[in-house]
Amino acid sequence: MRILLIEDDTVLGAAVRDQVAGDGQSVDWVTRLDAAGDAMAGAAYDLLLLDLMLPDGRGIGFLKTLRARGDVTPVIILTALDQVSDRIEGLNAGADDYLVKPFDLSELSARIGSVARRYSGNPNPIISHGPLDIDLAARSIRVQGKPVPLTAREWALFEAFLSRPGQLLSKAQLEEKLYAFDTEVESNTIEVHVSRLRKKLGSAVIETERGMGYRLGKP
């Protein structure tokens, strides 16, 4: 997934960014609402992590504006506001989950996984696809019972296919999943990673529509 973190606390923001990236997700981090708006105008995000008290306004207003214009991007609120009334306000504004600071980073990972599975139509964290047994929560894969390790980039790409089974994904859409990783996305990056996934998971795991893109292979 590509995640947008909106958090002005630099210590917490860095910790969350590192945790999310360590989980194999692509993450962009901004510290203001205006920067968040600019980021969303230029990229498609799968999830927002939203602080409520930011230098240029309240996250609740930002969230309400998103929902009012029909934006259904999942949102997890991260805030020090711990009153029941604050939680109710956040959820009623359209948040999908609400995490009170200070929180355990592993709990944040679990909440992100839960929301992602809900939106991808896979509430069960363990799914099967042909010879593959995939644990979405642990981000682990077994091929015919044997564990197969994936790099963070390989998982990010494979997760994109899993979340849109049967849907053709263009090279540009797949590159979006990798932009927030440290190294630059080269012109042949997608081809290289698709080739590696096929070697690790089976040649039929990803199908190519020449000149158009890729899709998850049939089980």
N, C-alpha and C. Protein backbone atom coordinates (compact mmCIF):
# COMPACT_ATOMS: atom_id res chain seq x y z
N MET A 1 0.84 -1.20 0.00
CA MET A 1 0.00 0.00 0.00
C MET A 1 0.87 1.25 0.00
N ARG A 2 0.32 2.32 -0.54
CA ARG A 2 0.96 3.62 -0.41
C ARG A 2 0.18 4.43 0.63
N ILE A 3 0.87 4.85 1.67
CA ILE A 3 0.24 5.49 2.83
C ILE A 3 0.73 6.92 2.96
N LEU A 4 -0.20 7.84 3.29
CA LEU A 4 0.16 9.22 3.58
C LEU A 4 0.05 9.45 5.08
N LEU A 5 1.16 9.80 5.72
CA LEU A 5 1.20 10.12 7.14
C LEU A 5 1.15 11.64 7.31
N ILE A 6 0.17 12.12 8.07
CA ILE A 6 0.00 13.56 8.31
C ILE A 6 0.19 13.76 9.81
N GLU A 7 1.39 14.17 10.20
CA GLU A 7 1.77 14.23 11.62
C GLU A 7 2.87 15.27 11.79
N ASP A 8 2.68 16.24 12.72
CA ASP A 8 3.67 17.31 12.88
C ASP A 8 4.69 17.04 13.98
N ASP A 9 4.47 16.03 14.80
CA ASP A 9 5.45 15.65 15.82
C ASP A 9 6.57 14.88 15.12
N THR A 10 7.76 15.47 15.08
CA THR A 10 8.84 14.90 14.28
C THR A 10 9.34 13.57 14.85
N VAL A 11 9.35 13.44 16.18
CA VAL A 11 9.82 12.19 16.79
C VAL A 11 8.84 11.06 16.50
N LEU A 12 7.56 11.32 16.77
CA LEU A 12 6.55 10.30 16.52
C LEU A 12 6.43 10.03 15.02
N GLY A 13 6.45 11.08 14.22
CA GLY A 13 6.33 10.91 12.78
C GLY A 13 7.42 10.02 12.21
N ALA A 14 8.66 10.23 12.67
CA ALA A 14 9.77 9.40 12.20
C ALA A 14 9.60 7.95 12.63
N ALA A 15 9.11 7.76 13.86
CA ALA A 15 8.91 6.39 14.35
C ALA A 15 7.82 5.67 13.56
N VAL A 16 6.72 6.39 13.29
CA VAL A 16 5.63 5.79 12.52
C VAL A 16 6.08 5.51 11.10
N ARG A 17 6.77 6.47 10.50
CA ARG A 17 7.27 6.27 9.12
C ARG A 17 8.15 5.03 9.04
N ASP A 18 9.08 4.89 9.98
CA ASP A 18 10.00 3.75 9.95
C ASP A 18 9.25 2.44 10.19
N GLN A 19 8.26 2.46 11.08
CA GLN A 19 7.48 1.25 11.34
C GLN A 19 6.71 0.82 10.10
N VAL A 20 6.03 1.78 9.47
CA VAL A 20 5.22 1.48 8.29
C VAL A 20 6.11 1.00 7.14
N ALA A 21 7.23 1.67 6.94
CA ALA A 21 8.16 1.26 5.88
C ALA A 21 8.74 -0.12 6.18
N GLY A 22 9.03 -0.38 7.46
CA GLY A 22 9.56 -1.68 7.85
C GLY A 22 8.56 -2.81 7.63
N ASP A 23 7.28 -2.46 7.63
CA ASP A 23 6.23 -3.45 7.36
C ASP A 23 6.08 -3.73 5.86
N GLY A 24 6.87 -3.03 5.06
CA GLY A 24 6.80 -3.26 3.62
C GLY A 24 5.85 -2.34 2.89
N GLN A 25 5.39 -1.27 3.58
CA GLN A 25 4.49 -0.32 2.95
C GLN A 25 5.28 0.88 2.42
N SER A 26 4.72 1.55 1.44
CA SER A 26 5.29 2.79 0.92
C SER A 26 4.64 3.95 1.68
N VAL A 27 5.45 4.87 2.22
CA VAL A 27 4.89 5.94 3.05
C VAL A 27 5.46 7.30 2.69
N ASP A 28 4.58 8.28 2.55
CA ASP A 28 4.97 9.69 2.40
C ASP A 28 4.56 10.39 3.70
N TRP A 29 5.39 11.32 4.17
CA TRP A 29 5.13 11.99 5.45
C TRP A 29 5.10 13.49 5.24
N VAL A 30 4.01 14.13 5.67
CA VAL A 30 3.88 15.58 5.65
C VAL A 30 3.49 16.05 7.05
N THR A 31 3.73 17.34 7.33
CA THR A 31 3.49 17.85 8.68
C THR A 31 2.38 18.90 8.73
N ARG A 32 1.77 19.19 7.59
CA ARG A 32 0.71 20.19 7.54
C ARG A 32 -0.44 19.71 6.65
N LEU A 33 -1.62 20.27 6.88
CA LEU A 33 -2.79 19.89 6.10
C LEU A 33 -2.69 20.38 4.66
N ASP A 34 -2.12 21.57 4.45
CA ASP A 34 -2.00 22.06 3.07
C ASP A 34 -1.06 21.17 2.27
N ALA A 35 0.01 20.68 2.92
CA ALA A 35 0.92 19.76 2.24
C ALA A 35 0.23 18.43 1.96
N ALA A 36 -0.65 18.01 2.88
CA ALA A 36 -1.40 16.77 2.67
C ALA A 36 -2.31 16.89 1.46
N GLY A 37 -2.97 18.05 1.32
CA GLY A 37 -3.83 18.28 0.17
C GLY A 37 -3.05 18.24 -1.13
N ASP A 38 -1.87 18.85 -1.12
CA ASP A 38 -1.02 18.84 -2.32
C ASP A 38 -0.58 17.42 -2.66
N ALA A 39 -0.22 16.64 -1.63
CA ALA A 39 0.23 15.26 -1.86
C ALA A 39 -0.89 14.43 -2.47
N MET A 40 -2.10 14.59 -1.95
CA MET A 40 -3.24 13.81 -2.44
C MET A 40 -3.65 14.22 -3.85
N ALA A 41 -3.36 15.46 -4.20
CA ALA A 41 -3.67 15.92 -5.56
C ALA A 41 -2.71 15.31 -6.58
N GLY A 42 -1.53 14.91 -6.12
CA GLY A 42 -0.53 14.40 -7.04
C GLY A 42 -0.32 12.90 -7.02
N ALA A 43 -0.97 12.20 -6.07
CA ALA A 43 -0.77 10.75 -5.95
C ALA A 43 -2.02 10.09 -5.40
N ALA A 44 -2.16 8.81 -5.70
CA ALA A 44 -3.29 8.02 -5.18
C ALA A 44 -2.81 7.25 -3.96
N TYR A 45 -3.45 7.48 -2.82
CA TYR A 45 -3.08 6.81 -1.58
C TYR A 45 -4.10 5.75 -1.21
N ASP A 46 -3.61 4.68 -0.58
CA ASP A 46 -4.47 3.59 -0.14
C ASP A 46 -4.96 3.79 1.28
N LEU A 47 -4.28 4.66 2.05
CA LEU A 47 -4.63 4.87 3.46
C LEU A 47 -4.01 6.17 3.94
N LEU A 48 -4.73 6.88 4.82
CA LEU A 48 -4.20 8.08 5.47
C LEU A 48 -4.07 7.82 6.96
N LEU A 49 -2.94 8.25 7.54
CA LEU A 49 -2.76 8.28 8.99
C LEU A 49 -2.79 9.75 9.39
N LEU A 50 -3.83 10.16 10.10
CA LEU A 50 -4.15 11.58 10.27
C LEU A 50 -4.11 12.02 11.73
N ASP A 51 -3.22 12.94 12.05
CA ASP A 51 -3.22 13.61 13.35
C ASP A 51 -4.36 14.64 13.35
N LEU A 52 -4.90 14.94 14.54
CA LEU A 52 -6.02 15.87 14.58
C LEU A 52 -5.61 17.31 14.87
N MET A 53 -4.46 17.51 15.51
CA MET A 53 -4.03 18.87 15.86
C MET A 53 -2.76 19.19 15.07
N LEU A 54 -2.93 19.99 14.01
CA LEU A 54 -1.82 20.31 13.12
C LEU A 54 -1.60 21.82 13.06
N PRO A 55 -0.42 22.26 12.64
CA PRO A 55 -0.11 23.70 12.68
C PRO A 55 -1.08 24.58 11.92
N ASP A 56 -1.66 24.05 10.83
CA ASP A 56 -2.55 24.90 10.02
C ASP A 56 -4.01 24.46 10.10
N GLY A 57 -4.39 23.75 11.16
CA GLY A 57 -5.80 23.44 11.33
C GLY A 57 -6.04 22.10 11.99
N ARG A 58 -7.31 21.73 12.09
CA ARG A 58 -7.70 20.47 12.73
C ARG A 58 -7.93 19.38 11.69
N GLY A 59 -7.46 18.21 12.01
CA GLY A 59 -7.62 17.09 11.09
C GLY A 59 -9.06 16.73 10.84
N ILE A 60 -9.93 16.97 11.82
CA ILE A 60 -11.35 16.65 11.66
C ILE A 60 -11.94 17.42 10.48
N GLY A 61 -11.62 18.70 10.38
CA GLY A 61 -12.12 19.50 9.26
C GLY A 61 -11.61 18.99 7.93
N PHE A 62 -10.35 18.58 7.90
CA PHE A 62 -9.75 18.02 6.69
C PHE A 62 -10.48 16.74 6.29
N LEU A 63 -10.76 15.88 7.28
CA LEU A 63 -11.44 14.62 7.02
C LEU A 63 -12.86 14.86 6.52
N LYS A 64 -13.56 15.79 7.14
CA LYS A 64 -14.93 16.08 6.71
C LYS A 64 -14.96 16.59 5.27
N THR A 65 -13.95 17.40 4.91
CA THR A 65 -13.88 17.91 3.55
C THR A 65 -13.66 16.77 2.55
N LEU A 66 -12.77 15.84 2.91
CA LEU A 66 -12.54 14.67 2.04
C LEU A 66 -13.83 13.90 1.81
N ARG A 67 -14.53 13.60 2.89
CA ARG A 67 -15.74 12.80 2.77
C ARG A 67 -16.85 13.55 2.03
N ALA A 68 -16.91 14.86 2.22
CA ALA A 68 -17.95 15.66 1.56
C ALA A 68 -17.79 15.67 0.05
N ARG A 69 -16.56 15.55 -0.42
CA ARG A 69 -16.33 15.54 -1.86
C ARG A 69 -16.30 14.13 -2.43
N GLY A 70 -16.65 13.15 -1.59
CA GLY A 70 -16.76 11.77 -2.07
C GLY A 70 -15.50 10.95 -2.01
N ASP A 71 -14.46 11.45 -1.35
CA ASP A 71 -13.22 10.70 -1.23
C ASP A 71 -13.38 9.63 -0.15
N VAL A 72 -13.22 8.36 -0.53
CA VAL A 72 -13.43 7.26 0.41
C VAL A 72 -12.12 6.61 0.86
N THR A 73 -10.99 7.29 0.65
CA THR A 73 -9.71 6.75 1.11
C THR A 73 -9.79 6.43 2.60
N PRO A 74 -9.42 5.20 3.00
CA PRO A 74 -9.46 4.85 4.43
C PRO A 74 -8.59 5.79 5.26
N VAL A 75 -9.07 6.12 6.46
CA VAL A 75 -8.37 7.05 7.35
C VAL A 75 -8.30 6.45 8.76
N ILE A 76 -7.09 6.42 9.31
CA ILE A 76 -6.90 6.09 10.72
C ILE A 76 -6.43 7.35 11.42
N ILE A 77 -7.17 7.78 12.43
CA ILE A 77 -6.81 8.96 13.20
C ILE A 77 -5.78 8.58 14.26
N LEU A 78 -4.71 9.38 14.36
CA LEU A 78 -3.69 9.23 15.40
C LEU A 78 -3.70 10.51 16.23
N THR A 79 -4.08 10.45 17.50
CA THR A 79 -4.24 11.69 18.25
C THR A 79 -4.06 11.47 19.75
N ALA A 80 -3.73 12.57 20.45
CA ALA A 80 -3.66 12.54 21.91
C ALA A 80 -5.03 12.81 22.54
N LEU A 81 -6.02 13.19 21.74
CA LEU A 81 -7.36 13.46 22.24
C LEU A 81 -8.03 12.12 22.58
N ASP A 82 -8.22 11.87 23.88
CA ASP A 82 -8.63 10.53 24.30
C ASP A 82 -10.03 10.46 24.91
N GLN A 83 -10.80 11.54 24.83
CA GLN A 83 -12.15 11.51 25.37
C GLN A 83 -13.07 10.72 24.44
N VAL A 84 -14.08 10.09 25.03
CA VAL A 84 -15.04 9.34 24.22
C VAL A 84 -15.69 10.25 23.18
N SER A 85 -15.97 11.49 23.57
CA SER A 85 -16.60 12.43 22.64
C SER A 85 -15.70 12.72 21.44
N ASP A 86 -14.37 12.74 21.68
CA ASP A 86 -13.42 12.96 20.58
C ASP A 86 -13.44 11.78 19.61
N ARG A 87 -13.50 10.56 20.16
CA ARG A 87 -13.55 9.38 19.31
C ARG A 87 -14.83 9.35 18.48
N ILE A 88 -15.92 9.68 19.13
CA ILE A 88 -17.21 9.69 18.42
C ILE A 88 -17.17 10.71 17.29
N GLU A 89 -16.61 11.90 17.57
CA GLU A 89 -16.54 12.94 16.55
C GLU A 89 -15.70 12.46 15.36
N GLY A 90 -14.56 11.81 15.65
CA GLY A 90 -13.70 11.34 14.58
C GLY A 90 -14.36 10.26 13.73
N LEU A 91 -14.99 9.31 14.38
CA LEU A 91 -15.64 8.23 13.64
C LEU A 91 -16.85 8.76 12.86
N ASN A 92 -17.59 9.67 13.45
CA ASN A 92 -18.74 10.25 12.74
C ASN A 92 -18.30 11.11 11.56
N ALA A 93 -17.09 11.65 11.63
CA ALA A 93 -16.57 12.46 10.51
C ALA A 93 -16.14 11.60 9.34
N GLY A 94 -16.02 10.28 9.58
CA GLY A 94 -15.67 9.39 8.48
C GLY A 94 -14.40 8.60 8.67
N ALA A 95 -13.81 8.64 9.89
CA ALA A 95 -12.60 7.84 10.13
C ALA A 95 -12.95 6.36 10.18
N ASP A 96 -12.01 5.53 9.79
CA ASP A 96 -12.19 4.09 9.82
C ASP A 96 -11.68 3.47 11.11
N ASP A 97 -10.77 4.17 11.79
CA ASP A 97 -10.25 3.70 13.06
C ASP A 97 -9.67 4.90 13.80
N TYR A 98 -9.41 4.72 15.11
CA TYR A 98 -9.00 5.82 15.97
C TYR A 98 -8.00 5.27 16.97
N LEU A 99 -6.77 5.78 16.94
CA LEU A 99 -5.71 5.29 17.82
C LEU A 99 -5.21 6.44 18.68
N VAL A 100 -5.22 6.24 20.01
CA VAL A 100 -4.86 7.31 20.94
C VAL A 100 -3.37 7.23 21.29
N LYS A 101 -2.71 8.37 21.21
CA LYS A 101 -1.30 8.47 21.60
C LYS A 101 -1.17 8.47 23.12
N PRO A 102 -0.11 7.89 23.68
CA PRO A 102 0.91 7.09 23.00
C PRO A 102 0.37 5.69 22.69
N PHE A 103 0.79 5.14 21.56
CA PHE A 103 0.34 3.82 21.17
C PHE A 103 1.54 2.95 20.82
N ASP A 104 1.33 1.65 20.87
CA ASP A 104 2.37 0.70 20.51
C ASP A 104 2.45 0.62 18.98
N LEU A 105 3.64 0.68 18.45
CA LEU A 105 3.79 0.69 16.99
C LEU A 105 3.31 -0.62 16.36
N SER A 106 3.43 -1.72 17.08
CA SER A 106 2.94 -2.98 16.54
C SER A 106 1.42 -2.99 16.47
N GLU A 107 0.76 -2.27 17.40
CA GLU A 107 -0.70 -2.16 17.32
C GLU A 107 -1.08 -1.33 16.10
N LEU A 108 -0.33 -0.28 15.82
CA LEU A 108 -0.59 0.51 14.62
C LEU A 108 -0.50 -0.37 13.37
N SER A 109 0.52 -1.22 13.30
CA SER A 109 0.66 -2.12 12.15
C SER A 109 -0.56 -3.02 12.02
N ALA A 110 -1.04 -3.52 13.17
CA ALA A 110 -2.21 -4.41 13.14
C ALA A 110 -3.45 -3.65 12.69
N ARG A 111 -3.61 -2.41 13.15
CA ARG A 111 -4.78 -1.60 12.74
C ARG A 111 -4.73 -1.31 11.24
N ILE A 112 -3.54 -0.98 10.73
CA ILE A 112 -3.40 -0.72 9.30
C ILE A 112 -3.78 -1.97 8.51
N GLY A 113 -3.29 -3.12 8.94
CA GLY A 113 -3.61 -4.36 8.25
C GLY A 113 -5.09 -4.67 8.28
N SER A 114 -5.73 -4.39 9.41
CA SER A 114 -7.16 -4.66 9.54
C SER A 114 -7.98 -3.79 8.59
N VAL A 115 -7.67 -2.50 8.55
CA VAL A 115 -8.39 -1.58 7.66
C VAL A 115 -8.14 -1.95 6.20
N ALA A 116 -6.89 -2.28 5.88
CA ALA A 116 -6.56 -2.63 4.49
C ALA A 116 -7.32 -3.87 4.05
N ARG A 117 -7.40 -4.88 4.91
CA ARG A 117 -8.12 -6.10 4.54
C ARG A 117 -9.60 -5.84 4.37
N ARG A 118 -10.14 -4.99 5.21
CA ARG A 118 -11.56 -4.65 5.12
C ARG A 118 -11.87 -4.02 3.77
N TYR A 119 -11.00 -3.13 3.30
CA TYR A 119 -11.26 -2.44 2.04
C TYR A 119 -10.94 -3.30 0.82
N SER A 120 -10.04 -4.28 0.99
CA SER A 120 -9.71 -5.13 -0.15
C SER A 120 -10.65 -6.32 -0.26
N GLY A 121 -11.59 -6.43 0.69
CA GLY A 121 -12.54 -7.53 0.66
C GLY A 121 -11.98 -8.81 1.23
N ASN A 122 -10.88 -8.73 1.96
CA ASN A 122 -10.26 -9.91 2.57
C ASN A 122 -10.21 -9.75 4.09
N PRO A 123 -11.35 -9.89 4.80
CA PRO A 123 -11.33 -9.74 6.25
C PRO A 123 -10.49 -10.80 6.94
N ASN A 124 -10.31 -11.95 6.27
CA ASN A 124 -9.47 -13.01 6.82
C ASN A 124 -8.02 -12.72 6.45
N PRO A 125 -7.11 -12.62 7.44
CA PRO A 125 -5.72 -12.30 7.11
C PRO A 125 -4.98 -13.40 6.38
N ILE A 126 -5.51 -14.63 6.35
CA ILE A 126 -4.85 -15.73 5.67
C ILE A 126 -5.69 -16.17 4.47
N ILE A 127 -5.13 -16.06 3.27
CA ILE A 127 -5.85 -16.43 2.07
C ILE A 127 -5.00 -17.39 1.24
N SER A 128 -5.64 -18.10 0.35
CA SER A 128 -4.95 -19.02 -0.54
C SER A 128 -5.15 -18.58 -1.98
N HIS A 129 -4.11 -18.75 -2.77
CA HIS A 129 -4.19 -18.44 -4.20
C HIS A 129 -3.38 -19.51 -4.92
N GLY A 130 -4.08 -20.52 -5.46
CA GLY A 130 -3.37 -21.64 -6.06
C GLY A 130 -2.48 -22.31 -5.03
N PRO A 131 -1.19 -22.48 -5.34
CA PRO A 131 -0.27 -23.12 -4.39
C PRO A 131 0.24 -22.19 -3.30
N LEU A 132 -0.23 -20.94 -3.31
CA LEU A 132 0.26 -19.94 -2.35
C LEU A 132 -0.65 -19.84 -1.14
N ASP A 133 -0.07 -19.84 0.05
CA ASP A 133 -0.76 -19.53 1.30
C ASP A 133 -0.19 -18.20 1.78
N ILE A 134 -1.05 -17.18 1.86
CA ILE A 134 -0.60 -15.81 2.09
C ILE A 134 -1.17 -15.31 3.41
N ASP A 135 -0.28 -14.92 4.32
CA ASP A 135 -0.69 -14.33 5.59
C ASP A 135 -0.56 -12.82 5.46
N LEU A 136 -1.68 -12.14 5.27
CA LEU A 136 -1.66 -10.70 5.03
C LEU A 136 -1.17 -9.92 6.24
N ALA A 137 -1.49 -10.42 7.44
CA ALA A 137 -1.09 -9.72 8.65
C ALA A 137 0.42 -9.83 8.88
N ALA A 138 0.96 -11.03 8.69
CA ALA A 138 2.39 -11.25 8.90
C ALA A 138 3.23 -10.90 7.67
N ARG A 139 2.56 -10.67 6.55
CA ARG A 139 3.23 -10.41 5.28
C ARG A 139 4.21 -11.54 4.95
N SER A 140 3.67 -12.73 4.99
CA SER A 140 4.48 -13.91 4.70
C SER A 140 3.76 -14.79 3.69
N ILE A 141 4.53 -15.53 2.92
CA ILE A 141 3.98 -16.39 1.86
C ILE A 141 4.64 -17.76 1.94
N ARG A 142 3.81 -18.79 1.76
CA ARG A 142 4.32 -20.15 1.62
C ARG A 142 3.90 -20.68 0.25
N VAL A 143 4.84 -21.30 -0.42
CA VAL A 143 4.56 -21.94 -1.71
C VAL A 143 4.63 -23.44 -1.50
N GLN A 144 3.47 -24.09 -1.63
CA GLN A 144 3.37 -25.53 -1.35
C GLN A 144 3.95 -25.86 0.01
N GLY A 145 3.63 -24.99 0.97
CA GLY A 145 4.02 -25.23 2.36
C GLY A 145 5.38 -24.70 2.76
N LYS A 146 6.19 -24.26 1.80
CA LYS A 146 7.52 -23.78 2.10
C LYS A 146 7.55 -22.24 2.12
N PRO A 147 8.12 -21.64 3.19
CA PRO A 147 8.16 -20.17 3.27
C PRO A 147 9.05 -19.58 2.18
N VAL A 148 8.58 -18.50 1.58
CA VAL A 148 9.33 -17.79 0.54
C VAL A 148 9.45 -16.32 0.95
N PRO A 149 10.65 -15.85 1.27
CA PRO A 149 10.81 -14.45 1.68
C PRO A 149 10.70 -13.49 0.51
N LEU A 150 10.02 -12.36 0.73
CA LEU A 150 9.95 -11.29 -0.25
C LEU A 150 10.57 -10.04 0.33
N THR A 151 11.20 -9.25 -0.52
CA THR A 151 11.68 -7.95 -0.08
C THR A 151 10.49 -7.00 0.10
N ALA A 152 10.72 -5.86 0.74
CA ALA A 152 9.65 -4.90 0.96
C ALA A 152 9.03 -4.44 -0.36
N ARG A 153 9.86 -4.22 -1.37
CA ARG A 153 9.34 -3.79 -2.67
C ARG A 153 8.54 -4.89 -3.34
N GLU A 154 9.05 -6.12 -3.26
CA GLU A 154 8.33 -7.24 -3.87
C GLU A 154 6.97 -7.42 -3.20
N TRP A 155 6.93 -7.31 -1.87
CA TRP A 155 5.65 -7.45 -1.17
C TRP A 155 4.70 -6.32 -1.58
N ALA A 156 5.20 -5.09 -1.65
CA ALA A 156 4.35 -3.96 -2.02
C ALA A 156 3.69 -4.19 -3.38
N LEU A 157 4.44 -4.71 -4.33
CA LEU A 157 3.88 -4.99 -5.65
C LEU A 157 2.88 -6.15 -5.59
N PHE A 158 3.26 -7.22 -4.91
CA PHE A 158 2.38 -8.38 -4.86
C PHE A 158 1.08 -8.04 -4.13
N GLU A 159 1.17 -7.23 -3.10
CA GLU A 159 -0.03 -6.80 -2.37
C GLU A 159 -0.96 -5.99 -3.27
N ALA A 160 -0.38 -5.20 -4.17
CA ALA A 160 -1.19 -4.43 -5.12
C ALA A 160 -2.02 -5.36 -5.99
N PHE A 161 -1.41 -6.45 -6.43
CA PHE A 161 -2.16 -7.42 -7.25
C PHE A 161 -3.23 -8.13 -6.41
N LEU A 162 -2.88 -8.50 -5.18
CA LEU A 162 -3.83 -9.21 -4.32
C LEU A 162 -5.06 -8.36 -4.01
N SER A 163 -4.85 -7.07 -3.86
CA SER A 163 -5.97 -6.19 -3.49
C SER A 163 -6.90 -5.91 -4.67
N ARG A 164 -6.45 -6.25 -5.89
CA ARG A 164 -7.27 -6.01 -7.08
C ARG A 164 -7.24 -7.25 -7.99
N PRO A 165 -7.74 -8.39 -7.47
CA PRO A 165 -7.67 -9.63 -8.26
C PRO A 165 -8.41 -9.51 -9.58
N GLY A 166 -7.74 -9.93 -10.65
CA GLY A 166 -8.36 -9.89 -11.98
C GLY A 166 -8.28 -8.55 -12.67
N GLN A 167 -7.86 -7.51 -11.94
CA GLN A 167 -7.81 -6.16 -12.53
C GLN A 167 -6.45 -5.90 -13.16
N LEU A 168 -6.46 -5.34 -14.35
CA LEU A 168 -5.22 -4.99 -15.03
C LEU A 168 -4.62 -3.73 -14.40
N LEU A 169 -3.37 -3.80 -14.00
CA LEU A 169 -2.68 -2.67 -13.39
C LEU A 169 -1.59 -2.19 -14.34
N SER A 170 -1.59 -0.91 -14.63
CA SER A 170 -0.59 -0.36 -15.53
C SER A 170 0.76 -0.24 -14.82
N LYS A 171 1.79 -0.08 -15.61
CA LYS A 171 3.13 0.11 -15.05
C LYS A 171 3.16 1.35 -14.15
N ALA A 172 2.48 2.41 -14.57
CA ALA A 172 2.45 3.64 -13.78
C ALA A 172 1.77 3.41 -12.43
N GLN A 173 0.68 2.65 -12.42
CA GLN A 173 -0.01 2.35 -11.17
C GLN A 173 0.88 1.56 -10.23
N LEU A 174 1.64 0.63 -10.76
CA LEU A 174 2.53 -0.16 -9.93
C LEU A 174 3.72 0.66 -9.44
N GLU A 175 4.22 1.55 -10.27
CA GLU A 175 5.31 2.42 -9.84
C GLU A 175 4.89 3.29 -8.67
N GLU A 176 3.61 3.68 -8.64
CA GLU A 176 3.08 4.49 -7.53
C GLU A 176 3.33 3.81 -6.19
N LYS A 177 3.29 2.47 -6.18
CA LYS A 177 3.45 1.72 -4.93
C LYS A 177 4.88 1.77 -4.41
N LEU A 178 5.82 2.19 -5.24
CA LEU A 178 7.24 2.13 -4.88
C LEU A 178 7.88 3.49 -4.67
N TYR A 179 7.17 4.58 -4.96
CA TYR A 179 7.81 5.89 -4.98
C TYR A 179 8.37 6.31 -3.63
N ALA A 180 7.77 5.87 -2.53
CA ALA A 180 8.22 6.35 -1.23
C ALA A 180 9.38 5.53 -0.65
N PHE A 181 9.79 4.46 -1.34
CA PHE A 181 10.98 3.75 -0.90
C PHE A 181 12.22 4.58 -1.21
N ASP A 182 13.32 4.28 -0.51
CA ASP A 182 14.49 5.16 -0.55
C ASP A 182 15.10 5.29 -1.94
N THR A 183 15.22 4.18 -2.68
CA THR A 183 15.90 4.25 -3.96
C THR A 183 14.97 4.70 -5.08
N GLU A 184 15.54 5.27 -6.10
CA GLU A 184 14.76 5.81 -7.21
C GLU A 184 14.12 4.67 -8.02
N VAL A 185 12.92 4.96 -8.53
CA VAL A 185 12.24 3.99 -9.37
C VAL A 185 12.76 4.13 -10.80
N GLU A 186 13.52 3.14 -11.26
CA GLU A 186 14.09 3.18 -12.61
C GLU A 186 13.04 2.75 -13.63
N SER A 187 13.34 2.97 -14.90
CA SER A 187 12.37 2.69 -15.96
C SER A 187 12.02 1.21 -16.05
N ASN A 188 12.96 0.34 -15.65
CA ASN A 188 12.71 -1.10 -15.76
C ASN A 188 12.42 -1.75 -14.40
N THR A 189 12.17 -0.94 -13.38
CA THR A 189 12.00 -1.48 -12.02
C THR A 189 10.84 -2.47 -11.94
N ILE A 190 9.70 -2.15 -12.54
CA ILE A 190 8.54 -3.03 -12.45
C ILE A 190 8.84 -4.36 -13.13
N GLU A 191 9.43 -4.31 -14.31
CA GLU A 191 9.76 -5.55 -15.02
C GLU A 191 10.69 -6.43 -14.19
N VAL A 192 11.67 -5.81 -13.55
CA VAL A 192 12.64 -6.56 -12.74
C VAL A 192 11.93 -7.24 -11.57
N HIS A 193 11.08 -6.50 -10.87
CA HIS A 193 10.42 -7.05 -9.69
C HIS A 193 9.35 -8.09 -10.06
N VAL A 194 8.67 -7.89 -11.17
CA VAL A 194 7.72 -8.90 -11.64
C VAL A 194 8.46 -10.19 -11.96
N SER A 195 9.61 -10.07 -12.60
CA SER A 195 10.42 -11.25 -12.93
C SER A 195 10.84 -11.98 -11.66
N ARG A 196 11.24 -11.24 -10.64
CA ARG A 196 11.66 -11.86 -9.38
C ARG A 196 10.49 -12.54 -8.68
N LEU A 197 9.32 -11.91 -8.72
CA LEU A 197 8.13 -12.53 -8.12
C LEU A 197 7.79 -13.84 -8.82
N ARG A 198 7.89 -13.85 -10.13
CA ARG A 198 7.59 -15.08 -10.87
C ARG A 198 8.58 -16.19 -10.52
N LYS A 199 9.86 -15.84 -10.35
CA LYS A 199 10.85 -16.85 -10.00
C LYS A 199 10.59 -17.41 -8.60
N LYS A 200 10.14 -16.56 -7.69
CA LYS A 200 9.92 -16.99 -6.31
C LYS A 200 8.58 -17.70 -6.12
N LEU A 201 7.53 -17.22 -6.82
CA LEU A 201 6.18 -17.68 -6.53
C LEU A 201 5.58 -18.54 -7.64
N GLY A 202 6.24 -18.58 -8.80
CA GLY A 202 5.71 -19.35 -9.91
C GLY A 202 5.50 -18.47 -11.13
N SER A 203 5.77 -19.00 -12.29
CA SER A 203 5.73 -18.20 -13.52
C SER A 203 4.35 -17.68 -13.86
N ALA A 204 3.30 -18.37 -13.37
CA ALA A 204 1.93 -17.97 -13.71
C ALA A 204 1.31 -17.02 -12.71
N VAL A 205 2.08 -16.63 -11.66
CA VAL A 205 1.47 -15.82 -10.60
C VAL A 205 1.06 -14.43 -11.08
N ILE A 206 1.78 -13.90 -12.09
CA ILE A 206 1.45 -12.59 -12.65
C ILE A 206 1.38 -12.72 -14.17
N GLU A 207 0.29 -12.27 -14.74
CA GLU A 207 0.11 -12.30 -16.18
C GLU A 207 0.45 -10.94 -16.79
N THR A 208 0.96 -10.97 -18.00
CA THR A 208 1.32 -9.73 -18.72
C THR A 208 0.35 -9.50 -19.87
N GLU A 209 -0.17 -8.28 -19.94
CA GLU A 209 -0.91 -7.82 -21.12
C GLU A 209 0.03 -6.86 -21.84
N ARG A 210 0.67 -7.33 -22.88
CA ARG A 210 1.75 -6.57 -23.51
C ARG A 210 1.30 -5.16 -23.90
N GLY A 211 2.08 -4.20 -23.45
CA GLY A 211 1.81 -2.81 -23.76
C GLY A 211 0.75 -2.18 -22.87
N MET A 212 0.12 -2.97 -21.99
CA MET A 212 -0.96 -2.46 -21.15
C MET A 212 -0.68 -2.57 -19.66
N GLY A 213 -0.15 -3.71 -19.21
CA GLY A 213 0.14 -3.83 -17.79
C GLY A 213 0.15 -5.28 -17.35
N TYR A 214 -0.12 -5.47 -16.07
CA TYR A 214 -0.03 -6.78 -15.45
C TYR A 214 -1.28 -7.04 -14.61
N ARG A 215 -1.56 -8.32 -14.37
CA ARG A 215 -2.64 -8.68 -13.46
C ARG A 215 -2.27 -9.97 -12.72
N LEU A 216 -2.94 -10.18 -11.59
CA LEU A 216 -2.73 -11.41 -10.84
C LEU A 216 -3.20 -12.59 -11.66
N GLY A 217 -2.37 -13.65 -11.74
CA GLY A 217 -2.73 -14.83 -12.50
C GLY A 217 -3.87 -15.59 -11.83
N LYS A 218 -4.53 -16.42 -12.60
CA LYS A 218 -5.63 -17.22 -12.05
C LYS A 218 -5.07 -18.30 -11.12
N PRO A 219 -5.79 -18.63 -10.02
CA PRO A 219 -5.32 -19.65 -9.09
C PRO A 219 -5.12 -21.00 -9.78
